C-alpha atoms as a PDB file:
ATOM      1  CA  MET A   1     176.996 102.046 -87.009  1.00  0.00           C
ATOM      2  CA  ASN A   2     176.841 105.708 -88.424  1.00  0.00           C
ATOM      3  CA  TYR A   3     180.186 107.109 -90.252  1.00  0.00           C
ATOM      4  CA  SER A   4     180.701 110.652 -90.030  1.00  0.00           C
ATOM      5  CA  LEU A   5     181.754 112.829 -92.730  1.00  0.00           C
ATOM      6  CA  THR A   6     182.768 115.687 -90.646  1.00  0.00           C
ATOM      7  CA  ASP A   7     186.267 115.550 -91.463  1.00  0.00           C
ATOM      8  CA  SER A   8     186.602 113.223 -94.403  1.00  0.00           C
ATOM      9  CA  ASP A   9     185.160 112.166 -97.486  1.00  0.00           C
ATOM     10  CA  HIS A  10     184.870 108.547 -97.589  1.00  0.00           C
ATOM     11  CA  ILE A  11     185.416 105.851-100.581  1.00  0.00           C
ATOM     12  CA  TRP A  12     184.261 102.419-100.341  1.00  0.00           C
ATOM     13  CA  VAL A  13     185.439  99.944-102.409  1.00  0.00           C
ATOM     14  CA  LEU A  14     183.230  96.571-102.748  1.00  0.00           C
ATOM     15  CA  ASN A  15     183.437  93.279-104.411  1.00  0.00           C
ATOM     16  CA  TYR A  16     180.783  93.318-106.825  1.00  0.00           C
ATOM     17  CA  ASN A  17     179.420  90.494-109.242  1.00  0.00           C
ATOM     18  CA  LYS A  18     176.716  92.322-111.798  1.00  0.00           C
ATOM     19  CA  SER A  19     173.623  90.334-111.662  1.00  0.00           C
ATOM     20  CA  THR A  20     169.940  91.280-112.984  1.00  0.00           C
ATOM     21  CA  GLN A  21     169.665  93.906-110.004  1.00  0.00           C
ATOM     22  CA  SER A  22     171.359  97.104-110.105  1.00  0.00           C
ATOM     23  CA  ALA A  23     173.877  98.520-107.666  1.00  0.00           C
ATOM     24  CA  LEU A  24     171.537 100.147-105.653  1.00  0.00           C
ATOM     25  CA  GLU A  25     169.162  97.347-105.293  1.00  0.00           C
ATOM     26  CA  ASN A  26     171.954  95.652-103.577  1.00  0.00           C
ATOM     27  CA  PRO A  27     171.313  94.805-100.287  1.00  0.00           C
ATOM     28  CA  HIS A  28     175.002  95.132 -99.119  1.00  0.00           C
ATOM     29  CA  VAL A  29     175.125  98.764-100.940  1.00  0.00           C
ATOM     30  CA  LEU A  30     171.882 100.060 -99.468  1.00  0.00           C
ATOM     31  CA  ALA A  31     173.000  98.606 -95.786  1.00  0.00           C
ATOM     32  CA  LEU A  32     176.403 100.784 -96.353  1.00  0.00           C
ATOM     33  CA  LEU A  33     174.364 104.007 -97.362  1.00  0.00           C
ATOM     34  CA  ALA A  34     172.251 103.530 -94.394  1.00  0.00           C
ATOM     35  CA  ASN A  35     175.252 104.003 -91.901  1.00  0.00           C
ATOM     36  CA  TYR A  36     175.639 107.490 -93.383  1.00  0.00           C
ATOM     37  CA  LEU A  37     171.777 108.778 -94.281  1.00  0.00           C
ATOM     38  CA  PRO A  38     168.933 109.466 -91.983  1.00  0.00           C
ATOM     39  CA  SER A  39     166.983 106.639 -91.166  1.00  0.00           C
ATOM     40  CA  ASN A  40     164.018 107.466 -93.690  1.00  0.00           C
ATOM     41  CA  PHE A  41     165.889 107.841 -96.597  1.00  0.00           C
ATOM     42  CA  SER A  42     165.154 107.375-100.229  1.00  0.00           C
ATOM     43  CA  ILE A  43     166.867 106.813-103.342  1.00  0.00           C
ATOM     44  CA  LYS A  44     165.934 109.174-106.242  1.00  0.00           C
ATOM     45  CA  ARG A  45     167.241 109.947-109.525  1.00  0.00           C
ATOM     46  CA  THR A  46     167.693 113.116-111.402  1.00  0.00           C
ATOM     47  CA  LYS A  47     166.760 113.745-114.763  1.00  0.00           C
ATOM     48  CA  THR A  48     170.170 112.493-116.045  1.00  0.00           C
ATOM     49  CA  GLY A  49     169.800 109.214-113.976  1.00  0.00           C
ATOM     50  CA  ARG A  50     172.234 110.179-111.376  1.00  0.00           C
ATOM     51  CA  PRO A  51     170.971 108.607-108.062  1.00  0.00           C
ATOM     52  CA  PHE A  52     170.723 110.913-104.991  1.00  0.00           C
ATOM     53  CA  ALA A  53     169.393 110.025-101.527  1.00  0.00           C
ATOM     54  CA  GLN A  54     166.469 112.129 -99.923  1.00  0.00           C
ATOM     55  CA  SER A  55     165.314 112.600 -96.791  1.00  0.00           C
ATOM     56  CA  THR A  56     162.559 114.592 -94.770  1.00  0.00           C
ATOM     57  CA  ARG A  57     165.127 114.723 -91.579  1.00  0.00           C
ATOM     58  CA  GLY A  58     168.538 115.498 -91.182  1.00  0.00           C
ATOM     59  CA  ILE A  59     171.256 116.303 -93.579  1.00  0.00           C
ATOM     60  CA  VAL A  60     171.551 113.783 -96.655  1.00  0.00           C
ATOM     61  CA  PRO A  61     175.120 113.485 -97.891  1.00  0.00           C
ATOM     62  CA  ASP A  62     175.979 113.603-101.531  1.00  0.00           C
ATOM     63  CA  PHE A  63     176.840 110.056-103.051  1.00  0.00           C
ATOM     64  CA  SER A  64     178.369 108.587-106.327  1.00  0.00           C
ATOM     65  CA  ILE A  65     178.493 105.152-107.154  1.00  0.00           C
ATOM     66  CA  ALA A  66     180.318 103.176-110.256  1.00  0.00           C
ATOM     67  CA  HIS A  67     181.462  99.738-110.968  1.00  0.00           C
ATOM     68  CA  SER A  68     183.774  97.850-113.721  1.00  0.00           C
ATOM     69  CA  HIS A  69     184.596  94.391-113.599  1.00  0.00           C
ATOM     70  CA  ASN A  70     184.366  93.064-110.136  1.00  0.00           C
ATOM     71  CA  LEU A  71     184.454  96.031-108.069  1.00  0.00           C
ATOM     72  CA  LEU A  72     182.099  98.820-107.023  1.00  0.00           C
ATOM     73  CA  VAL A  73     183.029 102.058-105.393  1.00  0.00           C
ATOM     74  CA  ILE A  74     180.653 104.423-103.603  1.00  0.00           C
ATOM     75  CA  ALA A  75     181.971 107.905-102.768  1.00  0.00           C
ATOM     76  CA  LEU A  76     180.078 110.150 -99.619  1.00  0.00           C
ATOM     77  CA  SER A  77     180.641 113.787 -99.216  1.00  0.00           C
ATOM     78  CA  GLN A  78     178.903 116.798 -97.450  1.00  0.00           C
ATOM     79  CA  ASN A  79     179.891 118.448-100.824  1.00  0.00           C
ATOM     80  CA  ASN A  80     179.310 117.451-104.745  1.00  0.00           C
ATOM     81  CA  ILE A  81     181.145 114.457-105.558  1.00  0.00           C
ATOM     82  CA  GLY A  82     181.522 112.216-108.403  1.00  0.00           C
ATOM     83  CA  ILE A  83     183.284 108.834-108.934  1.00  0.00           C
ATOM     84  CA  ASP A  84     184.439 106.469-111.674  1.00  0.00           C
ATOM     85  CA  ILE A  85     186.331 103.196-111.680  1.00  0.00           C
ATOM     86  CA  GLU A  86     187.595 101.345-114.645  1.00  0.00           C
ATOM     87  CA  TYR A  87     189.540  97.904-114.976  1.00  0.00           C
ATOM     88  CA  ILE A  88     192.317  98.995-116.800  1.00  0.00           C
ATOM     89  CA  LYS A  89     192.614  96.353-120.079  1.00  0.00           C
ATOM     90  CA  PRO A  90     193.016  97.187-123.662  1.00  0.00           C
ATOM     91  CA  ARG A  91     189.734  98.083-125.653  1.00  0.00           C
ATOM     92  CA  SER A  92     188.849  98.632-129.199  1.00  0.00           C
ATOM     93  CA  HIS A  93     188.485 102.120-130.181  1.00  0.00           C
ATOM     94  CA  ILE A  94     190.801 103.851-127.511  1.00  0.00           C
ATOM     95  CA  GLN A  95     192.230 105.903-130.390  1.00  0.00           C
ATOM     96  CA  LYS A  96     188.869 107.016-131.760  1.00  0.00           C
ATOM     97  CA  ILE A  97     187.785 107.891-128.461  1.00  0.00           C
ATOM     98  CA  SER A  98     190.842 109.556-127.426  1.00  0.00           C
ATOM     99  CA  LYS A  99     190.707 111.996-130.699  1.00  0.00           C
ATOM    100  CA  ARG A 100     187.188 112.483-130.639  1.00  0.00           C
ATOM    101  CA  TYR A 101     187.179 113.410-127.057  1.00  0.00           C
ATOM    102  CA  PHE A 102     190.318 114.314-125.361  1.00  0.00           C
ATOM    103  CA  SER A 103     192.141 117.694-125.912  1.00  0.00           C
ATOM    104  CA  ASN A 104     195.717 117.601-127.515  1.00  0.00           C
ATOM    105  CA  SER A 105     197.084 118.699-124.076  1.00  0.00           C
ATOM    106  CA  GLU A 106     195.944 115.425-122.331  1.00  0.00           C
ATOM    107  CA  PRO A 107     198.527 112.684-122.198  1.00  0.00           C
ATOM    108  CA  ARG A 108     198.105 110.127-124.767  1.00  0.00           C
ATOM    109  CA  SER A 109     200.878 107.869-124.846  1.00  0.00           C
ATOM    110  CA  ASN A 110     199.666 104.778-123.050  1.00  0.00           C
ATOM    111  CA  LEU A 111     196.607 102.869-122.030  1.00  0.00           C
ATOM    112  CA  VAL A 112     196.867 104.273-118.631  1.00  0.00           C
ATOM    113  CA  ASP A 113     196.868 107.970-119.903  1.00  0.00           C
ATOM    114  CA  PHE A 114     193.575 106.934-121.605  1.00  0.00           C
ATOM    115  CA  TYR A 115     192.011 105.885-118.436  1.00  0.00           C
ATOM    116  CA  TYR A 116     193.010 108.788-116.499  1.00  0.00           C
ATOM    117  CA  SER A 117     191.425 111.252-119.035  1.00  0.00           C
ATOM    118  CA  TRP A 118     188.313 108.752-119.025  1.00  0.00           C
ATOM    119  CA  THR A 119     187.797 108.490-115.287  1.00  0.00           C
ATOM    120  CA  ALA A 120     188.480 112.010-115.005  1.00  0.00           C
ATOM    121  CA  ARG A 121     185.490 112.831-117.225  1.00  0.00           C
ATOM    122  CA  GLU A 122     182.967 110.339-115.966  1.00  0.00           C
ATOM    123  CA  ALA A 123     183.532 111.321-112.297  1.00  0.00           C
ATOM    124  CA  TYR A 124     183.097 114.971-113.345  1.00  0.00           C
ATOM    125  CA  ILE A 125     179.879 114.209-115.343  1.00  0.00           C
ATOM    126  CA  LYS A 126     178.810 112.339-111.984  1.00  0.00           C
ATOM    127  CA  ALA A 127     179.478 115.417-109.431  1.00  0.00           C
ATOM    128  CA  LYS A 128     177.883 117.477-111.763  1.00  0.00           C
ATOM    129  CA  ALA A 129     174.648 115.023-112.589  1.00  0.00           C
ATOM    130  CA  GLN A 130     175.137 115.743-116.467  1.00  0.00           C
ATOM    131  CA  HIS A 131     174.652 113.793-119.308  1.00  0.00           C
ATOM    132  CA  LEU A 132     177.400 111.451-120.729  1.00  0.00           C
ATOM    133  CA  PHE A 133     177.424 113.052-124.381  1.00  0.00           C
ATOM    134  CA  LYS A 134     178.843 116.215-122.772  1.00  0.00           C
ATOM    135  CA  LEU A 135     182.452 114.450-122.814  1.00  0.00           C
ATOM    136  CA  ASN A 136     183.646 116.482-125.588  1.00  0.00           C
ATOM    137  CA  ASN A 137     182.748 119.806-123.697  1.00  0.00           C
ATOM    138  CA  ILE A 138     185.033 119.060-120.975  1.00  0.00           C
ATOM    139  CA  ASN A 139     188.465 121.221-120.178  1.00  0.00           C
ATOM    140  CA  ILE A 140     191.226 119.367-118.431  1.00  0.00           C
ATOM    141  CA  ILE A 141     194.598 120.712-117.177  1.00  0.00           C
ATOM    142  CA  SER A 142     196.654 117.437-116.425  1.00  0.00           C
ATOM    143  CA  ASN A 143     199.740 118.728-114.905  1.00  0.00           C
ATOM    144  CA  SER A 144     199.904 117.169-111.311  1.00  0.00           C
ATOM    145  CA  LYS A 145     198.402 114.917-109.344  1.00  0.00           C
ATOM    146  CA  ILE A 146     195.392 116.531-108.986  1.00  0.00           C
ATOM    147  CA  TRP A 147     193.497 117.480-112.185  1.00  0.00           C
ATOM    148  CA  HIS A 148     191.369 120.547-112.976  1.00  0.00           C
ATOM    149  CA  ILE A 149     188.510 120.455-114.598  1.00  0.00           C
ATOM    150  CA  GLY A 150     185.522 121.923-116.155  1.00  0.00           C
ATOM    151  CA  GLU A 151     183.398 123.221-118.807  1.00  0.00           C
ATOM    152  CA  ASN A 152     183.893 126.279-120.960  1.00  0.00           C
ATOM    153  CA  ASN A 153     187.447 126.933-120.206  1.00  0.00           C
ATOM    154  CA  ILE A 154     186.077 127.363-116.152  1.00  0.00           C
ATOM    155  CA  LEU A 155     187.837 124.833-114.302  1.00  0.00           C
ATOM    156  CA  ASP A 156     185.693 124.736-111.310  1.00  0.00           C
ATOM    157  CA  TYR A 157     186.508 121.103-109.915  1.00  0.00           C
ATOM    158  CA  GLN A 158     189.392 118.973-109.317  1.00  0.00           C
ATOM    159  CA  VAL A 159     190.162 115.017-109.577  1.00  0.00           C
ATOM    160  CA  LYS A 160     192.044 112.798-107.577  1.00  0.00           C
ATOM    161  CA  PHE A 161     193.237 109.380-108.880  1.00  0.00           C
ATOM    162  CA  LYS A 162     193.872 106.334-106.827  1.00  0.00           C
ATOM    163  CA  PHE A 163     195.157 102.773-108.017  1.00  0.00           C
ATOM    164  CA  TRP A 164     193.466  99.674-106.710  1.00  0.00           C
ATOM    165  CA  GLU A 165     194.405  96.024-106.687  1.00  0.00           C
ATOM    166  CA  GLU A 166     198.151  96.562-107.805  1.00  0.00           C
ATOM    167  CA  LYS A 167     197.062  98.728-110.468  1.00  0.00           C
ATOM    168  CA  LYS A 168     194.164  96.754-111.901  1.00  0.00           C
ATOM    169  CA  TYR A 169     191.855  99.486-111.460  1.00  0.00           C
ATOM    170  CA  LEU A 170     192.119 103.255-111.788  1.00  0.00           C
ATOM    171  CA  ILE A 171     189.498 105.212-109.351  1.00  0.00           C
ATOM    172  CA  ALA A 172     188.870 108.907-110.224  1.00  0.00           C
ATOM    173  CA  ILE A 173     187.100 111.031-107.264  1.00  0.00           C
ATOM    174  CA  CYS A 174     186.056 114.668-108.401  1.00  0.00           C
ATOM    175  CA  ARG A 175     185.033 117.336-106.188  1.00  0.00           C
ATOM    176  CA  PRO A 176     184.917 121.211-106.236  1.00  0.00           C
ATOM    177  CA  LYS A 177     187.888 122.676-106.890  1.00  0.00           C
ATOM    178  CA  ASN A 178     188.990 124.620-103.411  1.00  0.00           C
ATOM    179  CA  TYR A 179     187.419 121.586-101.495  1.00  0.00           C
ATOM    180  CA  ARG A 180     190.128 120.483 -99.009  1.00  0.00           C
ATOM    181  CA  LYS A 181     188.644 117.498 -96.861  1.00  0.00           C
ATOM    182  CA  LYS A 182     190.831 114.446 -97.057  1.00  0.00           C
ATOM    183  CA  ILE A 183     189.644 111.266 -98.695  1.00  0.00           C
ATOM    184  CA  CYS A 184     189.705 108.081 -96.780  1.00  0.00           C
ATOM    185  CA  TYR A 185     189.521 104.760 -98.331  1.00  0.00           C
ATOM    186  CA  PHE A 186     187.817 101.787 -97.242  1.00  0.00           C
ATOM    187  CA  SER A 187     187.388  98.255 -98.247  1.00  0.00           C
ATOM    188  CA  LEU A 188     184.831  95.759 -97.908  1.00  0.00           C
ATOM    189  CA  ARG A 189     186.182  92.962 -99.567  1.00  0.00           C
ATOM    190  CA  GLU A 190     184.013  90.176 -98.003  1.00  0.00           C
ATOM    191  CA  GLN A 191     180.419  91.110 -98.139  1.00  0.00           C
ATOM    192  CA  PRO A 192     178.155  90.083 -95.023  1.00  0.00           C
END
């Protein structure tokens, strides 16, 4: 079965038990990607390590992948897209990380605020295929459900958030600023 990205971007949430194989070696992940990609696709990596699909036939959608705890998310789009997921739990060094990388205008009052800022940055870095060390060069305006994000005060991307599993996980999806396609969520809870 092939899925179409004509009217919407797709976000898939899968059960995931990290083993010795990477997510892109997992047969369930590859089978899911095959539903969207031309039949002769191959997975490559950018210099920064971001995976992308390549094919000699047909249009190849962009995809982004992330995992945390027991879940893996895959975002697919006809445009640039980045995704991150984090299991919400207390961690050491949250205050240190917040002070080092987050601006004073970002909310910092609780644990969930930290994860909003962190997942937004990770999703942005993936959408732009950049290195993680660029975290402190990112600017964010967080005055609504949609955050505006970019570098050097050019906020050219937007981030939308979704809680998953009774607010145990936070998902951030980053796309170009004026990109208006809706986002459809799918869950593959029991892998075939």
